Amino acid sequence: MKRKLGQDLSSKLWNAGVNLLKKQISSQIQDWLFEQMLGHDSDLLALTQKIDEMKGEEFEELIATCFRRIGYHVENTPRTNDFGADLILVKNRQKTVVQVKRYKKNVGSTAVQEVVAALPYYRATLGLVVTNSAYTASAKKLAQANNITLWDRSHLFDLIRQAAQRTPAP
């Protein structure tokens, strides 16, 4: 019995160590991909084109990597049944739910509704919608009524510039 208990504990410690290593490697890969995406060319037009051609999941990972690089703890929610949030950010004990939308057209009020619904589910105090595009008038109105922050294309590039100036955490 004692031997089995020791083996179980040893196995759990091993798995915890492996999971920690996977997380560190994943973070390093994301930072490398971020650097590759930005390249050495600071041409805003080229960067805009790269972002506009990304798949939604790639855009979500870009945003997650940017927030990590500027000091946030970032948790990705499941791809399905995410209850209105793509990312959960934590910094200074403040939790923010984030909905990420890579659109060709303006983002409507549905994205704001998703974040409003995600706030109590994830026990967050702040809500944010980030897009490579812009927002409809109804989205802006609903966001203002619910104290949700909207980041459009210009805010997105400010975030990317901030992240690019930071050295990734070891």
N, C-alpha and C. Protein backbone atom coordinates (compact mmCIF):
# COMPACT_ATOMS: atom_id res chain seq x y z
N MET A 1 0.83 -1.19 0.00
CA MET A 1 0.00 0.00 0.00
C MET A 1 0.87 1.26 0.00
N LYS A 2 1.90 1.31 0.88
CA LYS A 2 2.78 2.48 0.94
C LYS A 2 3.54 2.64 -0.37
N ARG A 3 3.95 1.50 -0.94
CA ARG A 3 4.70 1.55 -2.19
C ARG A 3 3.84 2.14 -3.31
N LYS A 4 2.56 1.72 -3.40
CA LYS A 4 1.65 2.23 -4.42
C LYS A 4 1.41 3.72 -4.23
N LEU A 5 1.23 4.15 -2.99
CA LEU A 5 1.03 5.57 -2.68
C LEU A 5 2.25 6.38 -3.13
N GLY A 6 3.44 5.86 -2.86
CA GLY A 6 4.67 6.53 -3.28
C GLY A 6 4.79 6.61 -4.79
N GLN A 7 4.38 5.53 -5.47
CA GLN A 7 4.41 5.52 -6.94
C GLN A 7 3.42 6.53 -7.50
N ASP A 8 2.22 6.60 -6.90
CA ASP A 8 1.21 7.56 -7.36
C ASP A 8 1.71 8.99 -7.20
N LEU A 9 2.32 9.29 -6.06
CA LEU A 9 2.86 10.63 -5.81
C LEU A 9 3.99 10.94 -6.78
N SER A 10 4.86 9.98 -6.98
CA SER A 10 5.96 10.15 -7.92
C SER A 10 5.44 10.40 -9.33
N SER A 11 4.42 9.66 -9.72
CA SER A 11 3.82 9.82 -11.05
C SER A 11 3.19 11.20 -11.20
N LYS A 12 2.51 11.66 -10.16
CA LYS A 12 1.87 12.98 -10.20
C LYS A 12 2.92 14.09 -10.30
N LEU A 13 3.99 13.96 -9.54
CA LEU A 13 5.07 14.95 -9.60
C LEU A 13 5.71 14.97 -10.99
N TRP A 14 5.94 13.78 -11.55
CA TRP A 14 6.52 13.68 -12.90
C TRP A 14 5.61 14.38 -13.91
N ASN A 15 4.29 14.07 -13.86
CA ASN A 15 3.34 14.68 -14.79
C ASN A 15 3.29 16.19 -14.64
N ALA A 16 3.34 16.68 -13.39
CA ALA A 16 3.34 18.13 -13.16
C ALA A 16 4.57 18.77 -13.77
N GLY A 17 5.73 18.12 -13.63
CA GLY A 17 6.97 18.63 -14.22
C GLY A 17 6.91 18.64 -15.73
N VAL A 18 6.37 17.58 -16.32
CA VAL A 18 6.24 17.51 -17.78
C VAL A 18 5.30 18.60 -18.27
N ASN A 19 4.17 18.80 -17.59
CA ASN A 19 3.22 19.84 -18.00
C ASN A 19 3.84 21.23 -17.91
N LEU A 20 4.64 21.49 -16.86
CA LEU A 20 5.31 22.78 -16.72
C LEU A 20 6.30 22.99 -17.86
N LEU A 21 7.04 21.96 -18.21
CA LEU A 21 7.99 22.04 -19.31
C LEU A 21 7.28 22.31 -20.64
N LYS A 22 6.16 21.62 -20.86
CA LYS A 22 5.38 21.84 -22.09
C LYS A 22 4.92 23.29 -22.18
N LYS A 23 4.47 23.84 -21.06
CA LYS A 23 3.99 25.22 -21.03
C LYS A 23 5.11 26.19 -21.36
N GLN A 24 6.31 25.96 -20.79
CA GLN A 24 7.45 26.84 -21.07
C GLN A 24 7.87 26.75 -22.53
N ILE A 25 7.90 25.56 -23.08
CA ILE A 25 8.26 25.39 -24.49
C ILE A 25 7.22 26.05 -25.38
N SER A 26 5.95 25.88 -25.04
CA SER A 26 4.88 26.50 -25.82
C SER A 26 5.02 28.02 -25.83
N SER A 27 5.34 28.59 -24.69
CA SER A 27 5.52 30.04 -24.59
C SER A 27 6.70 30.50 -25.46
N GLN A 28 7.80 29.72 -25.45
CA GLN A 28 8.95 30.08 -26.27
C GLN A 28 8.62 29.98 -27.75
N ILE A 29 7.85 28.98 -28.13
CA ILE A 29 7.44 28.84 -29.53
C ILE A 29 6.56 30.01 -29.93
N GLN A 30 5.64 30.40 -29.07
CA GLN A 30 4.76 31.54 -29.37
C GLN A 30 5.56 32.82 -29.54
N ASP A 31 6.56 33.03 -28.69
CA ASP A 31 7.41 34.21 -28.83
C ASP A 31 8.18 34.17 -30.15
N TRP A 32 8.69 32.99 -30.51
CA TRP A 32 9.42 32.85 -31.77
C TRP A 32 8.49 33.14 -32.95
N LEU A 33 7.26 32.60 -32.90
CA LEU A 33 6.30 32.85 -33.97
C LEU A 33 5.95 34.34 -34.06
N PHE A 34 5.84 34.98 -32.90
CA PHE A 34 5.56 36.42 -32.86
C PHE A 34 6.67 37.18 -33.58
N GLU A 35 7.91 36.84 -33.27
CA GLU A 35 9.05 37.50 -33.91
C GLU A 35 9.04 37.23 -35.42
N GLN A 36 8.72 36.01 -35.83
CA GLN A 36 8.67 35.67 -37.24
C GLN A 36 7.57 36.44 -37.96
N MET A 37 6.41 36.57 -37.27
CA MET A 37 5.30 37.29 -37.88
C MET A 37 5.64 38.76 -38.08
N LEU A 38 6.27 39.36 -37.08
CA LEU A 38 6.64 40.76 -37.21
C LEU A 38 7.78 40.94 -38.21
N GLY A 39 8.69 39.97 -38.21
CA GLY A 39 9.84 40.07 -39.09
C GLY A 39 10.71 41.24 -38.69
N HIS A 40 11.64 41.56 -39.52
CA HIS A 40 12.53 42.69 -39.25
C HIS A 40 12.05 43.93 -39.97
N ASP A 41 10.96 43.80 -40.67
CA ASP A 41 10.41 44.89 -41.44
C ASP A 41 9.31 45.56 -40.63
N SER A 42 9.44 46.81 -40.36
CA SER A 42 8.44 47.52 -39.56
C SER A 42 7.37 48.14 -40.45
N ASP A 43 7.23 47.66 -41.66
CA ASP A 43 6.25 48.16 -42.61
C ASP A 43 4.85 47.84 -42.12
N LEU A 44 4.10 48.87 -41.72
CA LEU A 44 2.77 48.70 -41.18
C LEU A 44 1.82 48.07 -42.21
N LEU A 45 1.98 48.42 -43.48
CA LEU A 45 1.12 47.86 -44.51
C LEU A 45 1.30 46.35 -44.62
N ALA A 46 2.55 45.88 -44.59
CA ALA A 46 2.82 44.44 -44.67
C ALA A 46 2.26 43.72 -43.45
N LEU A 47 2.43 44.31 -42.28
CA LEU A 47 1.91 43.72 -41.05
C LEU A 47 0.38 43.65 -41.09
N THR A 48 -0.24 44.71 -41.56
CA THR A 48 -1.69 44.74 -41.68
C THR A 48 -2.18 43.63 -42.59
N GLN A 49 -1.50 43.43 -43.70
CA GLN A 49 -1.89 42.38 -44.64
C GLN A 49 -1.74 40.99 -44.00
N LYS A 50 -0.65 40.78 -43.26
CA LYS A 50 -0.45 39.49 -42.59
C LYS A 50 -1.59 39.22 -41.61
N ILE A 51 -1.95 40.22 -40.83
CA ILE A 51 -3.01 40.04 -39.84
C ILE A 51 -4.35 39.80 -40.51
N ASP A 52 -4.65 40.54 -41.55
CA ASP A 52 -5.93 40.39 -42.24
C ASP A 52 -6.08 39.04 -42.93
N GLU A 53 -4.96 38.36 -43.19
CA GLU A 53 -5.00 37.05 -43.84
C GLU A 53 -4.95 35.89 -42.84
N MET A 54 -4.77 36.19 -41.56
CA MET A 54 -4.70 35.13 -40.54
C MET A 54 -6.04 34.45 -40.37
N LYS A 55 -5.97 33.20 -39.90
CA LYS A 55 -7.17 32.51 -39.46
C LYS A 55 -7.52 33.06 -38.08
N GLY A 56 -8.75 32.88 -37.66
CA GLY A 56 -9.19 33.38 -36.36
C GLY A 56 -8.35 32.88 -35.21
N GLU A 57 -7.98 31.58 -35.24
CA GLU A 57 -7.18 30.99 -34.17
C GLU A 57 -5.78 31.59 -34.13
N GLU A 58 -5.22 31.87 -35.30
CA GLU A 58 -3.89 32.49 -35.37
C GLU A 58 -3.92 33.90 -34.79
N PHE A 59 -4.97 34.63 -35.11
CA PHE A 59 -5.13 35.98 -34.60
C PHE A 59 -5.28 35.95 -33.07
N GLU A 60 -6.04 35.00 -32.58
CA GLU A 60 -6.22 34.85 -31.14
C GLU A 60 -4.88 34.57 -30.45
N GLU A 61 -4.06 33.71 -31.05
CA GLU A 61 -2.75 33.41 -30.48
C GLU A 61 -1.82 34.63 -30.52
N LEU A 62 -1.92 35.42 -31.59
CA LEU A 62 -1.14 36.65 -31.67
C LEU A 62 -1.49 37.57 -30.50
N ILE A 63 -2.78 37.76 -30.26
CA ILE A 63 -3.23 38.64 -29.18
C ILE A 63 -2.77 38.07 -27.82
N ALA A 64 -2.91 36.77 -27.64
CA ALA A 64 -2.46 36.14 -26.38
C ALA A 64 -0.97 36.36 -26.17
N THR A 65 -0.18 36.18 -27.21
CA THR A 65 1.27 36.37 -27.11
C THR A 65 1.61 37.82 -26.78
N CYS A 66 0.93 38.75 -27.40
CA CYS A 66 1.16 40.18 -27.10
C CYS A 66 0.91 40.46 -25.63
N PHE A 67 -0.21 39.99 -25.11
CA PHE A 67 -0.52 40.24 -23.71
C PHE A 67 0.49 39.56 -22.78
N ARG A 68 0.92 38.37 -23.12
CA ARG A 68 1.95 37.70 -22.31
C ARG A 68 3.22 38.53 -22.27
N ARG A 69 3.61 39.03 -23.42
CA ARG A 69 4.86 39.79 -23.51
C ARG A 69 4.81 41.09 -22.72
N ILE A 70 3.63 41.64 -22.50
CA ILE A 70 3.55 42.88 -21.73
C ILE A 70 3.17 42.63 -20.27
N GLY A 71 3.28 41.36 -19.85
CA GLY A 71 3.18 41.07 -18.43
C GLY A 71 1.90 40.48 -17.90
N TYR A 72 0.99 40.09 -18.75
CA TYR A 72 -0.25 39.48 -18.29
C TYR A 72 -0.10 37.96 -18.21
N HIS A 73 -0.79 37.37 -17.25
CA HIS A 73 -0.98 35.92 -17.26
C HIS A 73 -2.16 35.70 -18.20
N VAL A 74 -2.00 34.84 -19.20
CA VAL A 74 -3.03 34.65 -20.22
C VAL A 74 -3.47 33.19 -20.22
N GLU A 75 -4.78 33.00 -20.18
CA GLU A 75 -5.36 31.67 -20.28
C GLU A 75 -6.27 31.64 -21.50
N ASN A 76 -6.04 30.67 -22.38
CA ASN A 76 -6.93 30.48 -23.52
C ASN A 76 -8.13 29.67 -23.06
N THR A 77 -9.32 30.06 -23.48
CA THR A 77 -10.51 29.28 -23.18
C THR A 77 -10.66 28.19 -24.24
N PRO A 78 -11.54 27.22 -24.02
CA PRO A 78 -11.73 26.18 -25.04
C PRO A 78 -12.21 26.78 -26.36
N ARG A 79 -11.89 26.11 -27.46
CA ARG A 79 -12.29 26.60 -28.80
C ARG A 79 -13.82 26.62 -28.95
N THR A 80 -14.50 25.68 -28.29
CA THR A 80 -15.96 25.66 -28.32
C THR A 80 -16.46 25.76 -26.89
N ASN A 81 -17.69 26.22 -26.74
CA ASN A 81 -18.28 26.40 -25.41
C ASN A 81 -17.40 27.27 -24.52
N ASP A 82 -16.98 28.41 -25.05
CA ASP A 82 -16.09 29.30 -24.29
C ASP A 82 -16.85 30.32 -23.45
N PHE A 83 -18.17 30.28 -23.50
CA PHE A 83 -19.04 31.16 -22.72
C PHE A 83 -18.76 32.64 -22.97
N GLY A 84 -18.34 32.97 -24.18
CA GLY A 84 -18.21 34.36 -24.58
C GLY A 84 -16.83 34.97 -24.46
N ALA A 85 -15.84 34.19 -24.09
CA ALA A 85 -14.49 34.74 -23.95
C ALA A 85 -13.49 33.84 -24.67
N ASP A 86 -12.54 34.45 -25.37
CA ASP A 86 -11.46 33.70 -26.00
C ASP A 86 -10.24 33.63 -25.11
N LEU A 87 -10.02 34.70 -24.35
CA LEU A 87 -8.86 34.79 -23.47
C LEU A 87 -9.29 35.30 -22.11
N ILE A 88 -8.57 34.86 -21.08
CA ILE A 88 -8.72 35.39 -19.73
C ILE A 88 -7.36 35.99 -19.37
N LEU A 89 -7.36 37.27 -19.05
CA LEU A 89 -6.13 37.97 -18.68
C LEU A 89 -6.15 38.27 -17.19
N VAL A 90 -4.99 38.11 -16.56
CA VAL A 90 -4.88 38.48 -15.14
C VAL A 90 -3.60 39.27 -14.97
N LYS A 91 -3.74 40.43 -14.33
CA LYS A 91 -2.59 41.26 -13.99
C LYS A 91 -2.99 42.10 -12.78
N ASN A 92 -2.11 42.14 -11.80
CA ASN A 92 -2.38 42.89 -10.57
C ASN A 92 -3.72 42.49 -9.94
N ARG A 93 -3.98 41.19 -9.93
CA ARG A 93 -5.21 40.61 -9.37
C ARG A 93 -6.48 41.11 -10.03
N GLN A 94 -6.36 41.65 -11.23
CA GLN A 94 -7.51 42.12 -12.00
C GLN A 94 -7.73 41.14 -13.15
N LYS A 95 -8.94 40.58 -13.24
CA LYS A 95 -9.25 39.60 -14.28
C LYS A 95 -10.09 40.26 -15.38
N THR A 96 -9.65 40.03 -16.63
CA THR A 96 -10.31 40.59 -17.80
C THR A 96 -10.68 39.47 -18.76
N VAL A 97 -11.91 39.47 -19.25
CA VAL A 97 -12.30 38.54 -20.31
C VAL A 97 -12.15 39.26 -21.64
N VAL A 98 -11.64 38.53 -22.64
CA VAL A 98 -11.36 39.12 -23.95
C VAL A 98 -12.01 38.30 -25.04
N GLN A 99 -12.71 38.97 -25.92
CA GLN A 99 -13.26 38.38 -27.13
C GLN A 99 -12.41 38.91 -28.28
N VAL A 100 -11.89 38.02 -29.11
CA VAL A 100 -10.99 38.40 -30.21
C VAL A 100 -11.72 38.16 -31.52
N LYS A 101 -11.79 39.20 -32.36
CA LYS A 101 -12.51 39.10 -33.64
C LYS A 101 -11.64 39.59 -34.79
N ARG A 102 -11.24 38.65 -35.65
CA ARG A 102 -10.54 39.03 -36.87
C ARG A 102 -11.58 39.03 -37.97
N TYR A 103 -11.99 40.25 -38.36
CA TYR A 103 -13.10 40.42 -39.32
C TYR A 103 -12.65 41.26 -40.50
N LYS A 104 -13.34 41.05 -41.60
CA LYS A 104 -13.16 41.91 -42.77
C LYS A 104 -14.10 43.10 -42.68
N LYS A 105 -15.25 42.90 -42.02
CA LYS A 105 -16.25 43.96 -41.83
C LYS A 105 -16.19 44.46 -40.39
N ASN A 106 -17.02 45.44 -40.09
CA ASN A 106 -17.09 45.96 -38.74
C ASN A 106 -17.71 44.94 -37.79
N VAL A 107 -17.23 44.93 -36.55
CA VAL A 107 -17.72 44.00 -35.53
C VAL A 107 -19.01 44.57 -34.94
N GLY A 108 -20.03 43.71 -34.84
CA GLY A 108 -21.33 44.13 -34.33
C GLY A 108 -21.49 43.90 -32.84
N SER A 109 -22.70 44.12 -32.37
CA SER A 109 -22.99 44.07 -30.93
C SER A 109 -22.94 42.66 -30.35
N THR A 110 -22.99 41.62 -31.19
CA THR A 110 -22.93 40.25 -30.68
C THR A 110 -21.64 40.00 -29.89
N ALA A 111 -20.53 40.53 -30.37
CA ALA A 111 -19.25 40.35 -29.67
C ALA A 111 -19.30 40.99 -28.28
N VAL A 112 -19.94 42.13 -28.18
CA VAL A 112 -20.08 42.81 -26.89
C VAL A 112 -20.99 41.99 -25.97
N GLN A 113 -22.08 41.46 -26.53
CA GLN A 113 -22.99 40.62 -25.74
C GLN A 113 -22.26 39.40 -25.18
N GLU A 114 -21.38 38.82 -25.98
CA GLU A 114 -20.62 37.65 -25.53
C GLU A 114 -19.74 37.99 -24.33
N VAL A 115 -19.08 39.14 -24.38
CA VAL A 115 -18.21 39.55 -23.28
C VAL A 115 -19.04 39.87 -22.03
N VAL A 116 -20.17 40.52 -22.21
CA VAL A 116 -21.05 40.83 -21.08
C VAL A 116 -21.46 39.53 -20.38
N ALA A 117 -21.79 38.50 -21.17
CA ALA A 117 -22.18 37.21 -20.60
C ALA A 117 -21.00 36.51 -19.93
N ALA A 118 -19.79 36.70 -20.46
CA ALA A 118 -18.60 36.02 -19.93
C ALA A 118 -18.14 36.60 -18.59
N LEU A 119 -18.42 37.87 -18.34
CA LEU A 119 -17.94 38.51 -17.11
C LEU A 119 -18.32 37.74 -15.85
N PRO A 120 -19.60 37.47 -15.61
CA PRO A 120 -19.92 36.74 -14.37
C PRO A 120 -19.48 35.28 -14.42
N TYR A 121 -19.51 34.66 -15.60
CA TYR A 121 -19.12 33.26 -15.69
C TYR A 121 -17.67 33.06 -15.26
N TYR A 122 -16.78 33.93 -15.73
CA TYR A 122 -15.36 33.82 -15.40
C TYR A 122 -14.97 34.64 -14.17
N ARG A 123 -15.96 35.25 -13.54
CA ARG A 123 -15.73 36.09 -12.35
C ARG A 123 -14.70 37.18 -12.65
N ALA A 124 -14.90 37.84 -13.78
CA ALA A 124 -13.99 38.91 -14.20
C ALA A 124 -14.62 40.26 -13.89
N THR A 125 -13.75 41.26 -13.81
CA THR A 125 -14.24 42.62 -13.53
C THR A 125 -14.18 43.52 -14.76
N LEU A 126 -13.38 43.12 -15.76
CA LEU A 126 -13.25 43.93 -16.97
C LEU A 126 -13.54 43.09 -18.20
N GLY A 127 -14.07 43.76 -19.23
CA GLY A 127 -14.34 43.09 -20.50
C GLY A 127 -13.72 43.88 -21.64
N LEU A 128 -13.19 43.15 -22.63
CA LEU A 128 -12.49 43.76 -23.76
C LEU A 128 -12.80 42.99 -25.03
N VAL A 129 -13.04 43.72 -26.11
CA VAL A 129 -13.16 43.12 -27.43
C VAL A 129 -12.05 43.72 -28.28
N VAL A 130 -11.25 42.84 -28.93
CA VAL A 130 -10.14 43.28 -29.77
C VAL A 130 -10.41 42.83 -31.19
N THR A 131 -10.25 43.75 -32.14
CA THR A 131 -10.44 43.40 -33.55
C THR A 131 -9.37 44.04 -34.42
N ASN A 132 -9.22 43.49 -35.60
CA ASN A 132 -8.35 44.08 -36.62
C ASN A 132 -9.14 45.07 -37.47
N SER A 133 -10.40 45.24 -37.16
CA SER A 133 -11.30 46.06 -37.95
C SER A 133 -11.79 47.26 -37.14
N ALA A 134 -13.09 47.51 -37.22
CA ALA A 134 -13.73 48.60 -36.47
C ALA A 134 -15.04 48.07 -35.90
N TYR A 135 -15.84 48.94 -35.30
CA TYR A 135 -17.09 48.53 -34.65
C TYR A 135 -18.28 49.27 -35.22
N THR A 136 -19.43 48.61 -35.19
CA THR A 136 -20.67 49.25 -35.61
C THR A 136 -21.11 50.22 -34.52
N ALA A 137 -21.99 51.11 -34.87
CA ALA A 137 -22.52 52.08 -33.90
C ALA A 137 -23.23 51.35 -32.76
N SER A 138 -23.98 50.29 -33.08
CA SER A 138 -24.70 49.56 -32.03
C SER A 138 -23.73 48.86 -31.08
N ALA A 139 -22.62 48.35 -31.59
CA ALA A 139 -21.61 47.72 -30.72
C ALA A 139 -21.02 48.76 -29.77
N LYS A 140 -20.72 49.93 -30.29
CA LYS A 140 -20.16 51.00 -29.46
C LYS A 140 -21.14 51.41 -28.37
N LYS A 141 -22.41 51.53 -28.74
CA LYS A 141 -23.43 51.95 -27.78
C LYS A 141 -23.61 50.90 -26.68
N LEU A 142 -23.68 49.63 -27.06
CA LEU A 142 -23.84 48.56 -26.08
C LEU A 142 -22.60 48.44 -25.18
N ALA A 143 -21.43 48.59 -25.76
CA ALA A 143 -20.20 48.53 -24.98
C ALA A 143 -20.17 49.65 -23.94
N GLN A 144 -20.55 50.83 -24.34
CA GLN A 144 -20.55 51.96 -23.41
C GLN A 144 -21.55 51.71 -22.27
N ALA A 145 -22.71 51.19 -22.59
CA ALA A 145 -23.73 50.94 -21.58
C ALA A 145 -23.30 49.86 -20.58
N ASN A 146 -22.40 48.96 -21.00
CA ASN A 146 -21.98 47.85 -20.14
C ASN A 146 -20.53 47.95 -19.68
N ASN A 147 -19.93 49.10 -19.92
CA ASN A 147 -18.55 49.35 -19.51
C ASN A 147 -17.56 48.31 -20.09
N ILE A 148 -17.74 48.00 -21.37
CA ILE A 148 -16.87 47.09 -22.09
C ILE A 148 -15.93 47.92 -22.96
N THR A 149 -14.66 47.59 -22.94
CA THR A 149 -13.67 48.32 -23.73
C THR A 149 -13.57 47.72 -25.12
N LEU A 150 -13.54 48.57 -26.12
CA LEU A 150 -13.40 48.13 -27.51
C LEU A 150 -12.06 48.61 -28.06
N TRP A 151 -11.26 47.67 -28.56
CA TRP A 151 -10.00 48.02 -29.22
C TRP A 151 -10.12 47.72 -30.69
N ASP A 152 -9.98 48.75 -31.49
CA ASP A 152 -10.05 48.60 -32.94
C ASP A 152 -8.64 48.43 -33.51
N ARG A 153 -8.52 48.61 -34.81
CA ARG A 153 -7.26 48.40 -35.51
C ARG A 153 -6.11 49.24 -34.93
N SER A 154 -6.38 50.50 -34.61
CA SER A 154 -5.31 51.36 -34.09
C SER A 154 -4.84 50.89 -32.71
N HIS A 155 -5.78 50.47 -31.84
CA HIS A 155 -5.41 49.93 -30.53
C HIS A 155 -4.64 48.62 -30.68
N LEU A 156 -5.04 47.82 -31.67
CA LEU A 156 -4.35 46.56 -31.94
C LEU A 156 -2.88 46.81 -32.25
N PHE A 157 -2.61 47.77 -33.13
CA PHE A 157 -1.22 48.04 -33.50
C PHE A 157 -0.44 48.67 -32.35
N ASP A 158 -1.11 49.41 -31.48
CA ASP A 158 -0.45 49.90 -30.26
C ASP A 158 -0.02 48.72 -29.38
N LEU A 159 -0.91 47.73 -29.24
CA LEU A 159 -0.60 46.53 -28.45
C LEU A 159 0.59 45.79 -29.05
N ILE A 160 0.59 45.62 -30.37
CA ILE A 160 1.68 44.91 -31.04
C ILE A 160 3.00 45.65 -30.87
N ARG A 161 2.96 46.99 -31.00
CA ARG A 161 4.19 47.79 -30.80
C ARG A 161 4.73 47.62 -29.38
N GLN A 162 3.82 47.67 -28.40
CA GLN A 162 4.22 47.49 -27.00
C GLN A 162 4.87 46.12 -26.81
N ALA A 163 4.23 45.09 -27.34
CA ALA A 163 4.75 43.72 -27.19
C ALA A 163 6.08 43.56 -27.90
N ALA A 164 6.24 44.19 -29.04
CA ALA A 164 7.49 44.07 -29.80
C ALA A 164 8.66 44.72 -29.07
N GLN A 165 8.39 45.71 -28.24
CA GLN A 165 9.44 46.40 -27.50
C GLN A 165 9.88 45.64 -26.26
N ARG A 166 9.10 44.63 -25.87
CA ARG A 166 9.42 43.87 -24.68
C ARG A 166 10.19 42.62 -25.03
N THR A 167 11.11 42.28 -24.18
CA THR A 167 11.82 41.01 -24.32
C THR A 167 10.97 39.93 -23.69
N PRO A 168 10.78 38.81 -24.37
CA PRO A 168 9.94 37.76 -23.78
C PRO A 168 10.51 37.24 -22.47
N ALA A 169 9.60 36.89 -21.56
CA ALA A 169 10.03 36.35 -20.26
C ALA A 169 10.70 35.00 -20.46
N PRO A 170 11.74 34.69 -19.65
CA PRO A 170 12.44 33.40 -19.80
C PRO A 170 11.56 32.23 -19.42
